[in-house]
N, C-alpha and C. Protein backbone atom coordinates (compact mmCIF):
# COMPACT_ATOMS: atom_id res chain seq x y z
N PRO A 1 120.74 120.54 83.54
CA PRO A 1 120.88 121.97 83.30
C PRO A 1 119.79 122.81 83.99
N ARG A 2 118.68 122.19 84.39
CA ARG A 2 117.59 122.96 85.02
C ARG A 2 117.54 122.76 86.54
N PHE A 3 118.62 122.23 87.12
CA PHE A 3 118.66 122.00 88.56
C PHE A 3 118.39 123.29 89.33
N PHE A 4 118.90 124.41 88.85
CA PHE A 4 118.72 125.69 89.54
C PHE A 4 117.25 126.06 89.71
N GLU A 5 116.38 125.51 88.88
CA GLU A 5 114.94 125.81 88.98
C GLU A 5 114.27 125.02 90.10
N LEU A 6 114.92 124.00 90.59
CA LEU A 6 114.32 123.09 91.57
C LEU A 6 114.53 123.62 92.98
N TRP A 7 113.88 124.74 93.28
CA TRP A 7 114.09 125.40 94.57
C TRP A 7 113.72 124.51 95.75
N GLY A 8 112.83 123.56 95.56
CA GLY A 8 112.46 122.65 96.64
C GLY A 8 113.58 121.70 97.01
N LEU A 9 114.49 121.46 96.07
CA LEU A 9 115.64 120.60 96.34
C LEU A 9 116.80 121.41 96.90
N ASN A 10 117.06 122.58 96.31
CA ASN A 10 118.18 123.41 96.73
C ASN A 10 117.82 124.88 96.52
N ASN A 11 117.34 125.52 97.57
CA ASN A 11 116.86 126.89 97.49
C ASN A 11 117.99 127.86 97.82
N THR A 12 118.44 128.55 96.79
CA THR A 12 119.50 129.55 96.97
C THR A 12 118.92 130.96 96.99
N GLY A 13 117.60 131.04 97.05
CA GLY A 13 116.93 132.33 97.01
C GLY A 13 116.42 132.68 95.63
N GLN A 14 116.56 131.75 94.68
CA GLN A 14 116.07 132.00 93.33
C GLN A 14 114.56 132.25 93.36
N ASP A 15 114.08 132.99 92.41
CA ASP A 15 112.66 133.33 92.30
C ASP A 15 112.14 134.00 93.57
N ASN A 16 112.98 134.81 94.19
CA ASN A 16 112.63 135.53 95.43
C ASN A 16 112.29 134.60 96.58
N GLY A 17 112.83 133.40 96.55
CA GLY A 17 112.59 132.42 97.61
C GLY A 17 113.50 132.67 98.80
N ASP A 18 113.28 131.89 99.84
CA ASP A 18 114.08 131.98 101.05
C ASP A 18 115.20 130.95 100.98
N SER A 19 116.41 131.43 100.90
CA SER A 19 117.57 130.55 100.81
C SER A 19 117.58 129.55 101.96
N GLY A 20 117.81 128.29 101.62
CA GLY A 20 117.89 127.24 102.64
C GLY A 20 116.57 126.58 102.97
N VAL A 21 115.46 127.12 102.47
CA VAL A 21 114.15 126.49 102.72
C VAL A 21 113.94 125.46 101.61
N ASP A 22 114.45 124.26 101.87
CA ASP A 22 114.44 123.20 100.87
C ASP A 22 114.67 121.87 101.59
N ILE A 23 114.87 120.80 100.83
CA ILE A 23 115.09 119.49 101.45
C ILE A 23 116.57 119.16 101.58
N SER A 24 117.45 120.12 101.33
CA SER A 24 118.90 119.94 101.47
C SER A 24 119.39 118.74 100.67
N ILE A 25 119.04 118.72 99.38
CA ILE A 25 119.34 117.56 98.56
C ILE A 25 120.83 117.30 98.42
N ASP A 26 121.66 118.33 98.40
CA ASP A 26 123.10 118.09 98.27
C ASP A 26 123.62 117.26 99.44
N GLU A 27 123.15 117.57 100.64
CA GLU A 27 123.56 116.80 101.81
C GLU A 27 122.99 115.38 101.76
N ALA A 28 121.77 115.25 101.29
CA ALA A 28 121.16 113.91 101.17
C ALA A 28 121.92 113.07 100.15
N TRP A 29 122.30 113.67 99.03
CA TRP A 29 123.02 112.93 98.01
C TRP A 29 124.40 112.49 98.48
N ASP A 30 124.96 113.16 99.50
CA ASP A 30 126.22 112.69 100.08
C ASP A 30 126.03 111.33 100.74
N VAL A 31 124.79 111.02 101.15
CA VAL A 31 124.48 109.75 101.79
C VAL A 31 124.03 108.73 100.74
N SER A 32 123.10 109.12 99.86
CA SER A 32 122.58 108.18 98.85
C SER A 32 121.85 108.93 97.74
N THR A 33 121.94 108.38 96.55
CA THR A 33 121.15 108.88 95.41
C THR A 33 120.14 107.82 94.99
N GLY A 34 119.90 106.88 95.88
CA GLY A 34 118.99 105.78 95.57
C GLY A 34 119.76 104.66 94.92
N ALA A 35 119.18 103.48 94.93
CA ALA A 35 119.85 102.31 94.38
C ALA A 35 119.03 101.73 93.23
N SER A 36 119.71 101.23 92.22
CA SER A 36 119.01 100.71 91.05
C SER A 36 118.23 99.44 91.35
N ASN A 37 118.46 98.83 92.50
CA ASN A 37 117.68 97.65 92.87
C ASN A 37 116.45 98.02 93.70
N VAL A 38 116.18 99.31 93.83
CA VAL A 38 114.98 99.80 94.53
C VAL A 38 113.96 100.21 93.46
N THR A 39 112.74 99.70 93.60
CA THR A 39 111.67 100.04 92.66
C THR A 39 110.58 100.79 93.39
N GLU A 40 110.17 101.92 92.81
CA GLU A 40 109.07 102.72 93.35
C GLU A 40 107.94 102.73 92.34
N ALA A 41 106.78 102.27 92.78
CA ALA A 41 105.59 102.31 91.92
C ALA A 41 105.00 103.72 91.97
N VAL A 42 104.68 104.26 90.81
CA VAL A 42 104.00 105.54 90.72
C VAL A 42 102.58 105.25 90.24
N ILE A 43 101.63 105.30 91.18
CA ILE A 43 100.22 105.05 90.88
C ILE A 43 99.59 106.40 90.58
N ASP A 44 99.31 106.64 89.31
CA ASP A 44 98.90 107.98 88.90
C ASP A 44 98.27 107.89 87.52
N THR A 45 98.57 108.89 86.67
CA THR A 45 98.02 108.96 85.31
C THR A 45 98.83 108.14 84.32
N GLY A 46 99.81 107.41 84.81
CA GLY A 46 100.76 106.69 83.96
C GLY A 46 102.06 107.46 83.90
N VAL A 47 103.00 106.98 83.14
CA VAL A 47 104.32 107.62 83.02
C VAL A 47 104.74 107.59 81.55
N ASP A 48 105.30 108.70 81.07
CA ASP A 48 105.89 108.74 79.74
C ASP A 48 107.21 107.98 79.83
N MET A 49 107.18 106.72 79.44
CA MET A 49 108.33 105.84 79.60
C MET A 49 109.46 106.14 78.63
N LEU A 50 109.22 107.00 77.65
CA LEU A 50 110.26 107.40 76.70
C LEU A 50 110.82 108.78 77.00
N HIS A 51 110.38 109.38 78.08
CA HIS A 51 110.87 110.71 78.46
C HIS A 51 112.38 110.66 78.66
N GLU A 52 113.07 111.64 78.11
CA GLU A 52 114.55 111.63 78.14
C GLU A 52 115.13 111.56 79.54
N ASP A 53 114.46 112.07 80.54
CA ASP A 53 114.96 112.02 81.91
C ASP A 53 114.52 110.77 82.66
N LEU A 54 113.64 109.96 82.06
CA LEU A 54 113.11 108.78 82.74
C LEU A 54 113.43 107.46 82.05
N VAL A 55 113.70 107.48 80.77
CA VAL A 55 113.82 106.26 79.99
C VAL A 55 114.80 105.25 80.60
N ASP A 56 115.87 105.71 81.21
CA ASP A 56 116.86 104.80 81.80
C ASP A 56 116.45 104.28 83.17
N ASN A 57 115.38 104.84 83.74
CA ASN A 57 114.99 104.46 85.09
C ASN A 57 113.60 103.81 85.16
N ILE A 58 113.12 103.31 84.05
CA ILE A 58 111.83 102.63 84.04
C ILE A 58 112.04 101.16 84.41
N TRP A 59 111.23 100.69 85.33
CA TRP A 59 111.28 99.30 85.79
C TRP A 59 110.99 98.36 84.62
N VAL A 60 111.68 97.23 84.61
CA VAL A 60 111.45 96.20 83.61
C VAL A 60 111.15 94.89 84.32
N ASN A 61 110.03 94.28 83.97
CA ASN A 61 109.66 92.98 84.51
C ASN A 61 110.45 91.93 83.73
N GLU A 62 111.52 91.45 84.34
CA GLU A 62 112.43 90.51 83.67
C GLU A 62 111.75 89.16 83.38
N GLY A 63 110.61 88.91 84.04
CA GLY A 63 109.91 87.65 83.82
C GLY A 63 109.02 87.62 82.60
N GLU A 64 108.90 88.74 81.91
CA GLU A 64 108.05 88.82 80.72
C GLU A 64 108.87 88.92 79.45
N ILE A 65 108.40 88.29 78.41
CA ILE A 65 108.94 88.45 77.06
C ILE A 65 108.00 89.43 76.36
N PRO A 66 108.51 90.57 75.93
CA PRO A 66 107.65 91.60 75.35
C PRO A 66 106.88 91.12 74.11
N ASN A 67 105.63 91.54 74.05
CA ASN A 67 104.80 91.42 72.85
C ASN A 67 104.57 90.00 72.34
N ASN A 68 104.58 89.01 73.24
CA ASN A 68 104.28 87.64 72.78
C ASN A 68 102.87 87.21 73.17
N ASN A 69 102.13 88.13 73.82
CA ASN A 69 100.74 87.89 74.21
C ASN A 69 100.59 86.68 75.14
N ILE A 70 101.63 86.46 75.96
CA ILE A 70 101.62 85.37 76.93
C ILE A 70 101.98 85.95 78.30
N ASP A 71 101.36 85.44 79.34
CA ASP A 71 101.70 85.83 80.70
C ASP A 71 102.89 84.96 81.15
N ASP A 72 104.08 85.33 80.69
CA ASP A 72 105.27 84.51 80.91
C ASP A 72 105.59 84.30 82.38
N ASP A 73 105.36 85.31 83.21
CA ASP A 73 105.72 85.18 84.63
C ASP A 73 104.57 84.64 85.47
N GLY A 74 103.42 84.40 84.85
CA GLY A 74 102.29 83.79 85.55
C GLY A 74 101.67 84.64 86.63
N ASN A 75 101.79 85.98 86.51
CA ASN A 75 101.24 86.85 87.55
C ASN A 75 99.81 87.33 87.24
N GLY A 76 99.24 86.85 86.13
CA GLY A 76 97.87 87.23 85.77
C GLY A 76 97.78 88.44 84.86
N TYR A 77 98.92 88.98 84.43
CA TYR A 77 98.95 90.17 83.59
C TYR A 77 99.81 89.87 82.36
N ILE A 78 99.22 89.94 81.19
CA ILE A 78 99.90 89.58 79.95
C ILE A 78 100.81 90.71 79.48
N ASP A 79 102.08 90.37 79.24
CA ASP A 79 103.08 91.30 78.71
C ASP A 79 103.23 92.58 79.54
N ASP A 80 103.16 92.44 80.85
CA ASP A 80 103.33 93.61 81.73
C ASP A 80 104.83 93.88 81.93
N VAL A 81 105.47 94.28 80.87
CA VAL A 81 106.92 94.48 80.84
C VAL A 81 107.32 95.69 81.68
N ASN A 82 106.53 96.76 81.65
CA ASN A 82 106.88 97.99 82.36
C ASN A 82 105.83 98.47 83.34
N GLY A 83 104.90 97.64 83.73
CA GLY A 83 103.84 98.06 84.65
C GLY A 83 102.48 97.69 84.09
N TRP A 84 101.43 98.34 84.61
CA TRP A 84 100.08 97.97 84.19
C TRP A 84 99.16 99.18 84.19
N ASP A 85 98.23 99.18 83.27
CA ASP A 85 97.19 100.21 83.16
C ASP A 85 95.91 99.63 83.74
N PHE A 86 95.58 100.04 84.96
CA PHE A 86 94.37 99.56 85.62
C PHE A 86 93.12 100.31 85.15
N CYS A 87 93.28 101.37 84.36
CA CYS A 87 92.13 102.05 83.77
C CYS A 87 91.56 101.24 82.61
N ASP A 88 92.45 100.85 81.72
CA ASP A 88 92.04 100.13 80.51
C ASP A 88 92.32 98.64 80.59
N ASN A 89 92.87 98.21 81.72
CA ASN A 89 93.21 96.80 81.95
C ASN A 89 94.08 96.24 80.82
N ASP A 90 95.20 96.97 80.57
CA ASP A 90 96.14 96.51 79.56
C ASP A 90 97.58 96.78 80.01
N ASN A 91 98.53 96.41 79.18
CA ASN A 91 99.93 96.50 79.55
C ASN A 91 100.61 97.80 79.12
N ASP A 92 99.83 98.84 78.85
CA ASP A 92 100.40 100.12 78.44
C ASP A 92 100.11 101.20 79.48
N PRO A 93 101.00 101.35 80.47
CA PRO A 93 100.78 102.36 81.50
C PRO A 93 101.33 103.74 81.12
N SER A 94 101.30 104.06 79.81
CA SER A 94 101.76 105.38 79.36
C SER A 94 100.88 106.46 79.96
N ASP A 95 101.46 107.63 80.10
CA ASP A 95 100.76 108.73 80.76
C ASP A 95 99.56 109.20 79.95
N GLY A 96 98.40 109.17 80.58
CA GLY A 96 97.17 109.67 79.98
C GLY A 96 96.94 111.13 80.29
N GLY A 97 97.86 111.75 80.97
CA GLY A 97 97.83 113.17 81.33
C GLY A 97 99.27 113.64 81.36
N THR A 98 99.64 114.33 82.42
CA THR A 98 101.04 114.71 82.59
C THR A 98 101.51 114.50 84.03
N HIS A 99 100.57 114.33 84.93
CA HIS A 99 100.91 114.32 86.35
C HIS A 99 101.81 113.16 86.73
N GLY A 100 101.54 111.97 86.23
CA GLY A 100 102.35 110.82 86.59
C GLY A 100 103.79 110.97 86.15
N THR A 101 104.00 111.54 84.98
CA THR A 101 105.35 111.78 84.48
C THR A 101 106.06 112.82 85.34
N HIS A 102 105.34 113.86 85.72
CA HIS A 102 105.90 114.89 86.60
C HIS A 102 106.33 114.27 87.92
N VAL A 103 105.47 113.45 88.50
CA VAL A 103 105.79 112.79 89.78
C VAL A 103 107.00 111.88 89.62
N ALA A 104 107.03 111.07 88.55
CA ALA A 104 108.15 110.17 88.31
C ALA A 104 109.45 110.95 88.16
N GLY A 105 109.40 112.09 87.50
CA GLY A 105 110.59 112.92 87.34
C GLY A 105 111.08 113.48 88.66
N THR A 106 110.16 113.90 89.50
CA THR A 106 110.54 114.40 90.83
C THR A 106 111.26 113.31 91.61
N ILE A 107 110.81 112.09 91.44
CA ILE A 107 111.40 110.97 92.16
C ILE A 107 112.72 110.54 91.54
N ALA A 108 112.75 110.29 90.23
CA ALA A 108 113.89 109.57 89.66
C ALA A 108 114.39 110.06 88.31
N ALA A 109 114.22 111.34 87.99
CA ALA A 109 114.81 111.83 86.75
C ALA A 109 116.32 111.61 86.81
N SER A 110 116.90 111.19 85.70
CA SER A 110 118.32 110.85 85.64
C SER A 110 119.20 112.05 86.00
N ALA A 111 120.33 111.75 86.61
CA ALA A 111 121.32 112.76 86.96
C ALA A 111 122.47 112.71 85.95
N GLY A 112 123.04 113.85 85.68
CA GLY A 112 124.25 113.91 84.89
C GLY A 112 124.10 113.60 83.42
N ASN A 113 122.88 113.65 82.90
CA ASN A 113 122.70 113.36 81.47
C ASN A 113 122.67 114.64 80.63
N GLY A 114 122.82 115.79 81.29
CA GLY A 114 122.84 117.05 80.57
C GLY A 114 121.50 117.47 80.02
N LYS A 115 120.42 116.85 80.53
CA LYS A 115 119.08 117.15 80.04
C LYS A 115 118.16 117.46 81.22
N GLY A 116 117.25 118.36 81.04
CA GLY A 116 116.15 118.60 81.97
C GLY A 116 116.53 118.78 83.43
N ILE A 117 115.85 118.01 84.28
CA ILE A 117 115.98 118.13 85.74
C ILE A 117 116.68 116.91 86.30
N VAL A 118 116.67 116.78 87.60
CA VAL A 118 117.18 115.61 88.28
C VAL A 118 116.19 115.25 89.38
N GLY A 119 116.02 113.96 89.62
CA GLY A 119 115.11 113.52 90.66
C GLY A 119 115.79 113.43 92.01
N VAL A 120 114.99 113.29 93.04
CA VAL A 120 115.50 113.15 94.40
C VAL A 120 116.34 111.89 94.52
N ALA A 121 115.92 110.81 93.89
CA ALA A 121 116.64 109.53 93.94
C ALA A 121 116.87 109.06 92.50
N PRO A 122 117.83 109.66 91.80
CA PRO A 122 117.97 109.42 90.37
C PRO A 122 118.43 108.02 89.97
N ASN A 123 118.65 107.15 90.91
CA ASN A 123 119.08 105.80 90.55
C ASN A 123 118.01 104.74 90.76
N VAL A 124 116.87 105.10 91.35
CA VAL A 124 115.82 104.10 91.57
C VAL A 124 115.07 103.83 90.27
N LYS A 125 114.36 102.72 90.24
CA LYS A 125 113.54 102.36 89.09
C LYS A 125 112.09 102.76 89.36
N ILE A 126 111.41 103.21 88.34
CA ILE A 126 110.00 103.62 88.44
C ILE A 126 109.13 102.55 87.78
N MET A 127 108.15 102.05 88.53
CA MET A 127 107.16 101.12 87.99
C MET A 127 105.90 101.92 87.67
N PRO A 128 105.61 102.18 86.40
CA PRO A 128 104.43 102.96 86.04
C PRO A 128 103.13 102.17 86.25
N ILE A 129 102.22 102.78 86.98
CA ILE A 129 100.89 102.20 87.19
C ILE A 129 99.87 103.27 86.81
N ARG A 130 99.08 103.00 85.80
CA ARG A 130 98.06 103.97 85.39
C ARG A 130 96.75 103.59 86.09
N LEU A 131 96.29 104.48 86.95
CA LEU A 131 95.03 104.29 87.66
C LEU A 131 94.07 105.43 87.37
N LEU A 132 94.62 106.58 87.03
CA LEU A 132 93.80 107.77 86.80
C LEU A 132 93.68 108.04 85.31
N ALA A 133 92.47 108.07 84.83
CA ALA A 133 92.24 108.27 83.40
C ALA A 133 92.25 109.74 83.01
N GLY A 134 92.31 110.64 83.97
CA GLY A 134 92.28 112.07 83.70
C GLY A 134 90.99 112.66 84.20
N GLY A 135 91.03 113.95 84.48
CA GLY A 135 89.87 114.61 85.04
C GLY A 135 89.74 114.29 86.52
N TYR A 136 88.88 115.01 87.19
CA TYR A 136 88.70 114.82 88.62
C TYR A 136 87.38 114.11 88.90
N LYS A 137 87.45 113.17 89.79
CA LYS A 137 86.28 112.44 90.24
C LYS A 137 86.23 112.54 91.75
N SER A 138 85.39 111.78 92.37
CA SER A 138 85.39 111.77 93.83
C SER A 138 86.66 111.08 94.30
N CYS A 139 87.08 111.39 95.51
CA CYS A 139 88.30 110.79 96.05
C CYS A 139 88.21 109.27 96.08
N SER A 140 87.04 108.72 96.34
CA SER A 140 86.93 107.27 96.42
C SER A 140 87.24 106.59 95.09
N ALA A 141 87.04 107.31 93.97
CA ALA A 141 87.34 106.74 92.66
C ALA A 141 88.84 106.57 92.47
N TYR A 142 89.64 107.27 93.24
CA TYR A 142 91.09 107.23 93.09
C TYR A 142 91.78 106.35 94.11
N ILE A 143 91.07 105.76 95.00
CA ILE A 143 91.70 104.92 96.00
C ILE A 143 92.05 103.59 95.35
N PRO A 144 93.35 103.28 95.30
CA PRO A 144 93.75 102.02 94.66
C PRO A 144 93.14 100.82 95.37
N SER A 145 92.71 99.87 94.59
CA SER A 145 92.15 98.65 95.15
C SER A 145 93.27 97.76 95.66
N SER A 146 92.91 96.75 96.41
CA SER A 146 93.91 95.82 96.89
C SER A 146 94.61 95.13 95.72
N GLU A 147 93.92 95.01 94.57
CA GLU A 147 94.52 94.42 93.38
C GLU A 147 95.73 95.23 92.93
N VAL A 148 95.62 96.56 92.97
CA VAL A 148 96.72 97.43 92.57
C VAL A 148 97.90 97.24 93.51
N PHE A 149 97.63 97.30 94.81
CA PHE A 149 98.72 97.15 95.78
C PHE A 149 99.33 95.75 95.72
N LYS A 150 98.52 94.75 95.48
CA LYS A 150 99.04 93.38 95.35
C LYS A 150 99.96 93.31 94.14
N TYR A 151 99.55 93.92 93.03
CA TYR A 151 100.39 93.91 91.83
C TYR A 151 101.75 94.53 92.11
N VAL A 152 101.77 95.74 92.68
CA VAL A 152 103.06 96.42 92.87
C VAL A 152 103.94 95.68 93.87
N ALA A 153 103.34 95.13 94.93
CA ALA A 153 104.12 94.38 95.91
C ALA A 153 104.64 93.08 95.31
N ASP A 154 103.78 92.34 94.63
CA ASP A 154 104.19 91.07 94.04
C ASP A 154 105.26 91.23 92.97
N ASN A 155 105.33 92.42 92.38
CA ASN A 155 106.31 92.66 91.31
C ASN A 155 107.53 93.45 91.79
N GLY A 156 107.70 93.56 93.09
CA GLY A 156 108.95 94.06 93.64
C GLY A 156 109.04 95.51 94.03
N ALA A 157 107.96 96.26 93.98
CA ALA A 157 108.03 97.65 94.41
C ALA A 157 108.11 97.69 95.94
N SER A 158 109.09 98.40 96.44
CA SER A 158 109.22 98.54 97.89
C SER A 158 108.74 99.89 98.37
N ILE A 159 108.47 100.80 97.43
CA ILE A 159 107.95 102.14 97.73
C ILE A 159 106.79 102.39 96.78
N VAL A 160 105.75 103.05 97.28
CA VAL A 160 104.60 103.39 96.44
C VAL A 160 104.29 104.87 96.59
N ASN A 161 104.10 105.55 95.46
CA ASN A 161 103.70 106.96 95.48
C ASN A 161 102.31 107.05 94.87
N THR A 162 101.41 107.68 95.60
CA THR A 162 100.05 107.92 95.11
C THR A 162 99.71 109.39 95.30
N SER A 163 100.45 110.26 94.65
CA SER A 163 100.19 111.69 94.83
C SER A 163 99.26 112.19 93.75
N TYR A 164 98.00 112.29 94.09
CA TYR A 164 97.03 112.81 93.15
C TYR A 164 95.96 113.55 93.92
N GLY A 165 95.23 114.37 93.20
CA GLY A 165 94.20 115.17 93.83
C GLY A 165 92.83 114.74 93.38
N CYS A 166 91.83 115.17 94.10
CA CYS A 166 90.46 114.85 93.74
C CYS A 166 89.55 115.91 94.31
N ALA A 167 88.33 115.91 93.80
CA ALA A 167 87.36 116.91 94.24
C ALA A 167 86.52 116.36 95.37
């Protein structure tokens, strides 16, 4: 219901904008809306995995049995069912701010559910990675380590988003 607000996807001149200055999402969706077998890691403040526009598009590590305190898939991360929190080194990559959820929604908010917005690729899966604890630090504090990239690659993410700011 809030698609009309997404002028960056489809600018009809709303909010005194310039009609057509957008990413032409309608034409892109004629080609693809993303595939459910594509996983995009969002390395940010975490993701609200229960958000109504995201809950159906959160990545699930099929190799893990939830809450058994065992590293079932042998990847070195215990119960990493939906991603990993590299700030607190635990299996809860829930959003510690709001930015990661915003980014995840821009990417993959569900289409056609009658709620909120829609993402650019509403069929892809989002792998939440919490790297930013909140607040601004130096840019070097936000550069993901090779451990983060190894985790997302080893767990099937073929796309990585690291859109965050720093001072």
